[in-house]
Amino acid sequence: MVAGARLGMAVSLRVSKRAVERNRIRRQIRESFRAHRAGLPACDILVIARQSAVEQSNAQLRAELETLWARLAAQAGGIER
């Protein structure tokens, strides 16, 4: 049984050949998840980065992740447990 929300990430070489860019994306995902973890349902979440993530600034990545966390929390609110 899952005690709380858990995060998995996939940021592959296809996203960027540069480790610096892949790690920046991972850091943004991880920090955003930590900030919203309490409001998320107890489930496993897999975030798969796309090539377009490299072109986005940190603020843009965070804003997009905020939207995704909100959608996930709203969907879980409608599910009976």
PDB file of N, CA and C in Angstrom:
ATOM      1  N   MET A   1       0.837  -1.184   0.000  1.00  0.00           N
ATOM      2  CA  MET A   1       0.000   0.000   0.000  1.00  0.00           C
ATOM      3  C   MET A   1       0.884   1.251   0.000  1.00  0.00           C
ATOM      4  N   VAL A   2       0.494   2.221  -0.753  1.00  0.00           N
ATOM      5  CA  VAL A   2       1.254   3.456  -0.880  1.00  0.00           C
ATOM      6  C   VAL A   2       0.821   4.422   0.223  1.00  0.00           C
ATOM      7  N   ALA A   3       1.778   4.901   1.014  1.00  0.00           N
ATOM      8  CA  ALA A   3       1.479   5.801   2.125  1.00  0.00           C
ATOM      9  C   ALA A   3       1.166   7.215   1.654  1.00  0.00           C
ATOM     10  N   GLY A   4       1.775   7.634   0.584  1.00  0.00           N
ATOM     11  CA  GLY A   4       1.571   8.967   0.035  1.00  0.00           C
ATOM     12  C   GLY A   4       1.960   8.957  -1.426  1.00  0.00           C
ATOM     13  N   ALA A   5       1.902  10.095  -2.044  1.00  0.00           N
ATOM     14  CA  ALA A   5       2.277  10.187  -3.451  1.00  0.00           C
ATOM     15  C   ALA A   5       3.779   9.928  -3.604  1.00  0.00           C
ATOM     16  N   ARG A   6       4.128   9.150  -4.622  1.00  0.00           N
ATOM     17  CA  ARG A   6       5.528   8.882  -4.919  1.00  0.00           C
ATOM     18  C   ARG A   6       5.812   9.327  -6.347  1.00  0.00           C
ATOM     19  N   LEU A   7       7.044   9.767  -6.582  1.00  0.00           N
ATOM     20  CA  LEU A   7       7.416  10.342  -7.871  1.00  0.00           C
ATOM     21  C   LEU A   7       8.462   9.506  -8.571  1.00  0.00           C
ATOM     22  N   GLY A   8       8.255   9.315  -9.869  1.00  0.00           N
ATOM     23  CA  GLY A   8       9.251   8.714 -10.749  1.00  0.00           C
ATOM     24  C   GLY A   8       9.462   9.672 -11.911  1.00  0.00           C
ATOM     25  N   MET A   9      10.693   9.757 -12.394  1.00  0.00           N
ATOM     26  CA  MET A   9      10.991  10.682 -13.492  1.00  0.00           C
ATOM     27  C   MET A   9      11.752   9.958 -14.584  1.00  0.00           C
ATOM     28  N   ALA A  10      11.479  10.363 -15.827  1.00  0.00           N
ATOM     29  CA  ALA A  10      12.229   9.868 -16.970  1.00  0.00           C
ATOM     30  C   ALA A  10      12.639  11.078 -17.801  1.00  0.00           C
ATOM     31  N   VAL A  11      13.919  11.401 -17.736  1.00  0.00           N
ATOM     32  CA  VAL A  11      14.472  12.503 -18.521  1.00  0.00           C
ATOM     33  C   VAL A  11      15.649  11.896 -19.286  1.00  0.00           C
ATOM     34  N   SER A  12      15.389  11.470 -20.500  1.00  0.00           N
ATOM     35  CA  SER A  12      16.366  10.687 -21.256  1.00  0.00           C
ATOM     36  C   SER A  12      17.306  11.541 -22.092  1.00  0.00           C
ATOM     37  N   LEU A  13      18.254  10.877 -22.729  1.00  0.00           N
ATOM     38  CA  LEU A  13      19.193  11.539 -23.628  1.00  0.00           C
ATOM     39  C   LEU A  13      18.493  12.177 -24.815  1.00  0.00           C
ATOM     40  N   ARG A  14      17.324  11.669 -25.169  1.00  0.00           N
ATOM     41  CA  ARG A  14      16.563  12.273 -26.260  1.00  0.00           C
ATOM     42  C   ARG A  14      16.117  13.687 -25.914  1.00  0.00           C
ATOM     43  N   VAL A  15      15.884  13.940 -24.656  1.00  0.00           N
ATOM     44  CA  VAL A  15      15.467  15.271 -24.216  1.00  0.00           C
ATOM     45  C   VAL A  15      16.609  16.253 -24.448  1.00  0.00           C
ATOM     46  N   SER A  16      17.802  15.885 -24.021  1.00  0.00           N
ATOM     47  CA  SER A  16      18.988  16.722 -24.229  1.00  0.00           C
ATOM     48  C   SER A  16      20.222  15.842 -24.081  1.00  0.00           C
ATOM     49  N   LYS A  17      21.198  16.105 -24.888  1.00  0.00           N
ATOM     50  CA  LYS A  17      22.468  15.368 -24.779  1.00  0.00           C
ATOM     51  C   LYS A  17      23.269  15.866 -23.581  1.00  0.00           C
ATOM     52  N   ARG A  18      22.973  17.067 -23.119  1.00  0.00           N
ATOM     53  CA  ARG A  18      23.726  17.678 -22.028  1.00  0.00           C
ATOM     54  C   ARG A  18      23.138  17.294 -20.669  1.00  0.00           C
ATOM     55  N   ALA A  19      23.962  16.710 -19.821  1.00  0.00           N
ATOM     56  CA  ALA A  19      23.529  16.303 -18.486  1.00  0.00           C
ATOM     57  C   ALA A  19      23.053  17.496 -17.664  1.00  0.00           C
ATOM     58  N   VAL A  20      23.668  18.650 -17.875  1.00  0.00           N
ATOM     59  CA  VAL A  20      23.294  19.862 -17.132  1.00  0.00           C
ATOM     60  C   VAL A  20      21.822  20.193 -17.371  1.00  0.00           C
ATOM     61  N   GLU A  21      21.385  20.099 -18.611  1.00  0.00           N
ATOM     62  CA  GLU A  21      19.989  20.401 -18.947  1.00  0.00           C
ATOM     63  C   GLU A  21      19.043  19.348 -18.367  1.00  0.00           C
ATOM     64  N   ARG A  22      19.414  18.080 -18.484  1.00  0.00           N
ATOM     65  CA  ARG A  22      18.557  17.010 -17.940  1.00  0.00           C
ATOM     66  C   ARG A  22      18.425  17.146 -16.431  1.00  0.00           C
ATOM     67  N   ASN A  23      19.521  17.454 -15.754  1.00  0.00           N
ATOM     68  CA  ASN A  23      19.492  17.609 -14.293  1.00  0.00           C
ATOM     69  C   ASN A  23      18.674  18.827 -13.875  1.00  0.00           C
ATOM     70  N   ARG A  24      18.737  19.905 -14.652  1.00  0.00           N
ATOM     71  CA  ARG A  24      17.922  21.101 -14.350  1.00  0.00           C
ATOM     72  C   ARG A  24      16.438  20.742 -14.396  1.00  0.00           C
ATOM     73  N   ILE A  25      16.045  19.983 -15.394  1.00  0.00           N
ATOM     74  CA  ILE A  25      14.643  19.570 -15.519  1.00  0.00           C
ATOM     75  C   ILE A  25      14.252  18.681 -14.341  1.00  0.00           C
ATOM     76  N   ARG A  26      15.124  17.742 -13.992  1.00  0.00           N
ATOM     77  CA  ARG A  26      14.848  16.860 -12.845  1.00  0.00           C
ATOM     78  C   ARG A  26      14.690  17.660 -11.552  1.00  0.00           C
ATOM     79  N   ARG A  27      15.559  18.637 -11.338  1.00  0.00           N
ATOM     80  CA  ARG A  27      15.478  19.466 -10.117  1.00  0.00           C
ATOM     81  C   ARG A  27      14.154  20.209 -10.051  1.00  0.00           C
ATOM     82  N   GLN A  28      13.696  20.757 -11.175  1.00  0.00           N
ATOM     83  CA  GLN A  28      12.445  21.498 -11.193  1.00  0.00           C
ATOM     84  C   GLN A  28      11.265  20.570 -10.890  1.00  0.00           C
ATOM     85  N   ILE A  29      11.270  19.392 -11.473  1.00  0.00           N
ATOM     86  CA  ILE A  29      10.194  18.418 -11.222  1.00  0.00           C
ATOM     87  C   ILE A  29      10.187  18.028  -9.750  1.00  0.00           C
ATOM     88  N   ARG A  30      11.359  17.703  -9.214  1.00  0.00           N
ATOM     89  CA  ARG A  30      11.469  17.256  -7.823  1.00  0.00           C
ATOM     90  C   ARG A  30      11.015  18.335  -6.839  1.00  0.00           C
ATOM     91  N   GLU A  31      11.448  19.566  -7.035  1.00  0.00           N
ATOM     92  CA  GLU A  31      11.076  20.652  -6.129  1.00  0.00           C
ATOM     93  C   GLU A  31       9.575  20.963  -6.200  1.00  0.00           C
ATOM     94  N   SER A  32       9.038  20.953  -7.395  1.00  0.00           N
ATOM     95  CA  SER A  32       7.612  21.207  -7.550  1.00  0.00           C
ATOM     96  C   SER A  32       6.797  20.107  -6.872  1.00  0.00           C
ATOM     97  N   PHE A  33       7.234  18.862  -7.039  1.00  0.00           N
ATOM     98  CA  PHE A  33       6.543  17.738  -6.409  1.00  0.00           C
ATOM     99  C   PHE A  33       6.577  17.865  -4.888  1.00  0.00           C
ATOM    100  N   ARG A  34       7.731  18.206  -4.331  1.00  0.00           N
ATOM    101  CA  ARG A  34       7.851  18.358  -2.873  1.00  0.00           C
ATOM    102  C   ARG A  34       6.889  19.412  -2.345  1.00  0.00           C
ATOM    103  N   ALA A  35       6.715  20.482  -3.093  1.00  0.00           N
ATOM    104  CA  ALA A  35       5.844  21.569  -2.653  1.00  0.00           C
ATOM    105  C   ALA A  35       4.366  21.174  -2.694  1.00  0.00           C
ATOM    106  N   HIS A  36       3.996  20.234  -3.563  1.00  0.00           N
ATOM    107  CA  HIS A  36       2.589  19.874  -3.748  1.00  0.00           C
ATOM    108  C   HIS A  36       2.241  18.479  -3.255  1.00  0.00           C
ATOM    109  N   ARG A  37       3.196  17.758  -2.719  1.00  0.00           N
ATOM    110  CA  ARG A  37       2.991  16.364  -2.335  1.00  0.00           C
ATOM    111  C   ARG A  37       1.825  16.169  -1.363  1.00  0.00           C
ATOM    112  N   ALA A  38       1.702  17.052  -0.407  1.00  0.00           N
ATOM    113  CA  ALA A  38       0.658  16.899   0.615  1.00  0.00           C
ATOM    114  C   ALA A  38      -0.746  16.959   0.019  1.00  0.00           C
ATOM    115  N   GLY A  39      -0.933  17.702  -1.054  1.00  0.00           N
ATOM    116  CA  GLY A  39      -2.248  17.837  -1.664  1.00  0.00           C
ATOM    117  C   GLY A  39      -2.560  16.800  -2.724  1.00  0.00           C
ATOM    118  N   LEU A  40      -1.629  15.889  -2.970  1.00  0.00           N
ATOM    119  CA  LEU A  40      -1.820  14.874  -4.002  1.00  0.00           C
ATOM    120  C   LEU A  40      -2.345  13.579  -3.398  1.00  0.00           C
ATOM    121  N   PRO A  41      -3.068  12.801  -4.195  1.00  0.00           N
ATOM    122  CA  PRO A  41      -3.567  11.516  -3.699  1.00  0.00           C
ATOM    123  C   PRO A  41      -2.424  10.517  -3.534  1.00  0.00           C
ATOM    124  N   ALA A  42      -2.664   9.491  -2.746  1.00  0.00           N
ATOM    125  CA  ALA A  42      -1.661   8.447  -2.533  1.00  0.00           C
ATOM    126  C   ALA A  42      -1.593   7.575  -3.785  1.00  0.00           C
ATOM    127  N   CYS A  43      -0.620   7.852  -4.621  1.00  0.00           N
ATOM    128  CA  CYS A  43      -0.443   7.090  -5.853  1.00  0.00           C
ATOM    129  C   CYS A  43       0.994   7.258  -6.344  1.00  0.00           C
ATOM    130  N   ASP A  44       1.352   6.449  -7.318  1.00  0.00           N
ATOM    131  CA  ASP A  44       2.658   6.564  -7.951  1.00  0.00           C
ATOM    132  C   ASP A  44       2.506   7.439  -9.191  1.00  0.00           C
ATOM    133  N   ILE A  45       3.379   8.422  -9.337  1.00  0.00           N
ATOM    134  CA  ILE A  45       3.308   9.377 -10.441  1.00  0.00           C
ATOM    135  C   ILE A  45       4.593   9.268 -11.250  1.00  0.00           C
ATOM    136  N   LEU A  46       4.456   9.146 -12.562  1.00  0.00           N
ATOM    137  CA  LEU A  46       5.607   9.108 -13.454  1.00  0.00           C
ATOM    138  C   LEU A  46       5.550  10.323 -14.359  1.00  0.00           C
ATOM    139  N   VAL A  47       6.589  11.142 -14.305  1.00  0.00           N
ATOM    140  CA  VAL A  47       6.698  12.324 -15.161  1.00  0.00           C
ATOM    141  C   VAL A  47       7.734  12.009 -16.232  1.00  0.00           C
ATOM    142  N   ILE A  48       7.312  12.079 -17.489  1.00  0.00           N
ATOM    143  CA  ILE A  48       8.206  11.825 -18.616  1.00  0.00           C
ATOM    144  C   ILE A  48       8.433  13.150 -19.333  1.00  0.00           C
ATOM    145  N   ALA A  49       9.677  13.610 -19.328  1.00  0.00           N
ATOM    146  CA  ALA A  49      10.012  14.894 -19.944  1.00  0.00           C
ATOM    147  C   ALA A  49      10.084  14.747 -21.468  1.00  0.00           C
ATOM    148  N   ARG A  50       9.702  15.807 -22.152  1.00  0.00           N
ATOM    149  CA  ARG A  50       9.795  15.856 -23.611  1.00  0.00           C
ATOM    150  C   ARG A  50      10.882  16.840 -24.012  1.00  0.00           C
ATOM    151  N   GLN A  51      11.265  16.800 -25.278  1.00  0.00           N
ATOM    152  CA  GLN A  51      12.333  17.663 -25.774  1.00  0.00           C
ATOM    153  C   GLN A  51      12.023  19.141 -25.587  1.00  0.00           C
ATOM    154  N   SER A  52      10.762  19.505 -25.648  1.00  0.00           N
ATOM    155  CA  SER A  52      10.387  20.914 -25.508  1.00  0.00           C
ATOM    156  C   SER A  52      10.691  21.459 -24.107  1.00  0.00           C
ATOM    157  N   ALA A  53      10.886  20.580 -23.127  1.00  0.00           N
ATOM    158  CA  ALA A  53      11.185  21.021 -21.760  1.00  0.00           C
ATOM    159  C   ALA A  53      12.524  21.754 -21.690  1.00  0.00           C
ATOM    160  N   VAL A  54      13.462  21.402 -22.547  1.00  0.00           N
ATOM    161  CA  VAL A  54      14.782  22.039 -22.539  1.00  0.00           C
ATOM    162  C   VAL A  54      14.671  23.515 -22.896  1.00  0.00           C
ATOM    163  N   GLU A  55      13.747  23.853 -23.776  1.00  0.00           N
ATOM    164  CA  GLU A  55      13.596  25.226 -24.249  1.00  0.00           C
ATOM    165  C   GLU A  55      12.850  26.116 -23.262  1.00  0.00           C
ATOM    166  N   GLN A  56      12.208  25.523 -22.268  1.00  0.00           N
ATOM    167  CA  GLN A  56      11.436  26.297 -21.305  1.00  0.00           C
ATOM    168  C   GLN A  56      12.320  26.764 -20.151  1.00  0.00           C
ATOM    169  N   SER A  57      11.967  27.927 -19.618  1.00  0.00           N
ATOM    170  CA  SER A  57      12.683  28.432 -18.440  1.00  0.00           C
ATOM    171  C   SER A  57      12.195  27.670 -17.204  1.00  0.00           C
ATOM    172  N   ASN A  58      12.902  27.858 -16.108  1.00  0.00           N
ATOM    173  CA  ASN A  58      12.506  27.207 -14.859  1.00  0.00           C
ATOM    174  C   ASN A  58      11.093  27.627 -14.449  1.00  0.00           C
ATOM    175  N   ALA A  59      10.780  28.897 -14.605  1.00  0.00           N
ATOM    176  CA  ALA A  59       9.448  29.396 -14.237  1.00  0.00           C
ATOM    177  C   ALA A  59       8.364  28.757 -15.110  1.00  0.00           C
ATOM    178  N   GLN A  60       8.649  28.587 -16.384  1.00  0.00           N
ATOM    179  CA  GLN A  60       7.667  27.960 -17.272  1.00  0.00           C
ATOM    180  C   GLN A  60       7.463  26.495 -16.909  1.00  0.00           C
ATOM    181  N   LEU A  61       8.548  25.793 -16.598  1.00  0.00           N
ATOM    182  CA  LEU A  61       8.426  24.393 -16.181  1.00  0.00           C
ATOM    183  C   LEU A  61       7.599  24.279 -14.908  1.00  0.00           C
ATOM    184  N   ARG A  62       7.884  25.139 -13.939  1.00  0.00           N
ATOM    185  CA  ARG A  62       7.145  25.117 -12.674  1.00  0.00           C
ATOM    186  C   ARG A  62       5.661  25.390 -12.889  1.00  0.00           C
ATOM    187  N   ALA A  63       5.341  26.366 -13.743  1.00  0.00           N
ATOM    188  CA  ALA A  63       3.937  26.704 -14.012  1.00  0.00           C
ATOM    189  C   ALA A  63       3.210  25.531 -14.648  1.00  0.00           C
ATOM    190  N   GLU A  64       3.870  24.849 -15.562  1.00  0.00           N
ATOM    191  CA  GLU A  64       3.244  23.696 -16.209  1.00  0.00           C
ATOM    192  C   GLU A  64       3.042  22.550 -15.221  1.00  0.00           C
ATOM    193  N   LEU A  65       4.022  22.338 -14.360  1.00  0.00           N
ATOM    194  CA  LEU A  65       3.892  21.292 -13.345  1.00  0.00           C
ATOM    195  C   LEU A  65       2.777  21.625 -12.352  1.00  0.00           C
ATOM    196  N   GLU A  66       2.635  22.890 -11.997  1.00  0.00           N
ATOM    197  CA  GLU A  66       1.547  23.309 -11.088  1.00  0.00           C
ATOM    198  C   GLU A  66       0.196  22.918 -11.680  1.00  0.00           C
ATOM    199  N   THR A  67       0.046  23.153 -12.975  1.00  0.00           N
ATOM    200  CA  THR A  67      -1.199  22.799 -13.663  1.00  0.00           C
ATOM    201  C   THR A  67      -1.434  21.290 -13.606  1.00  0.00           C
ATOM    202  N   LEU A  68      -0.379  20.526 -13.831  1.00  0.00           N
ATOM    203  CA  LEU A  68      -0.519  19.059 -13.806  1.00  0.00           C
ATOM    204  C   LEU A  68      -0.872  18.549 -12.413  1.00  0.00           C
ATOM    205  N   TRP A  69      -0.242  19.092 -11.382  1.00  0.00           N
ATOM    206  CA  TRP A  69      -0.562  18.667 -10.009  1.00  0.00           C
ATOM    207  C   TRP A  69      -2.018  18.999  -9.677  1.00  0.00           C
ATOM    208  N   ALA A  70      -2.477  20.180 -10.098  1.00  0.00           N
ATOM    209  CA  ALA A  70      -3.863  20.584  -9.832  1.00  0.00           C
ATOM    210  C   ALA A  70      -4.844  19.644 -10.544  1.00  0.00           C
ATOM    211  N   ARG A  71      -4.540  19.281 -11.784  1.00  0.00           N
ATOM    212  CA  ARG A  71      -5.416  18.355 -12.530  1.00  0.00           C
ATOM    213  C   ARG A  71      -5.460  16.988 -11.857  1.00  0.00           C
ATOM    214  N   LEU A  72      -4.315  16.519 -11.390  1.00  0.00           N
ATOM    215  CA  LEU A  72      -4.251  15.222 -10.724  1.00  0.00           C
ATOM    216  C   LEU A  72      -5.049  15.235  -9.423  1.00  0.00           C
ATOM    217  N   ALA A  73      -4.913  16.302  -8.648  1.00  0.00           N
ATOM    218  CA  ALA A  73      -5.648  16.411  -7.385  1.00  0.00           C
ATOM    219  C   ALA A  73      -7.151  16.495  -7.642  1.00  0.00           C
ATOM    220  N   ALA A  74      -7.556  17.207  -8.692  1.00  0.00           N
ATOM    221  CA  ALA A  74      -8.980  17.337  -9.019  1.00  0.00           C
ATOM    222  C   ALA A  74      -9.552  15.999  -9.470  1.00  0.00           C
ATOM    223  N   GLN A  75      -8.807  15.254 -10.264  1.00  0.00           N
ATOM    224  CA  GLN A  75      -9.278  13.936 -10.704  1.00  0.00           C
ATOM    225  C   GLN A  75      -9.418  12.983  -9.546  1.00  0.00           C
ATOM    226  N   ALA A  76      -8.500  13.037  -8.626  1.00  0.00           N
ATOM    227  CA  ALA A  76      -8.535  12.144  -7.463  1.00  0.00           C
ATOM    228  C   ALA A  76      -9.685  12.499  -6.536  1.00  0.00           C
ATOM    229  N   GLY A  77     -10.093  13.758  -6.544  1.00  0.00           N
ATOM    230  CA  GLY A  77     -11.216  14.187  -5.696  1.00  0.00           C
ATOM    231  C   GLY A  77     -12.523  13.537  -6.114  1.00  0.00           C
ATOM    232  N   GLY A  78     -12.664  13.198  -7.376  1.00  0.00           N
ATOM    233  CA  GLY A  78     -13.879  12.575  -7.875  1.00  0.00           C
ATOM    234  C   GLY A  78     -13.894  11.064  -7.745  1.00  0.00           C
ATOM    235  N   ILE A  79     -12.780  10.482  -7.337  1.00  0.00           N
ATOM    236  CA  ILE A  79     -12.692   9.031  -7.208  1.00  0.00           C
ATOM    237  C   ILE A  79     -13.062   8.631  -5.791  1.00  0.00           C
ATOM    238  N   GLU A  80     -13.991   7.675  -5.692  1.00  0.00           N
ATOM    239  CA  GLU A  80     -14.369   7.168  -4.353  1.00  0.00           C
ATOM    240  C   GLU A  80     -13.360   6.150  -3.914  1.00  0.00           C
ATOM    241  N   ARG A  81     -13.040   6.174  -2.616  1.00  0.00           N
ATOM    242  CA  ARG A  81     -12.072   5.222  -2.068  1.00  0.00           C
ATOM    243  C   ARG A  81     -12.735   4.295  -1.102  1.00  0.00           C
TER     244      ARG A  81
END
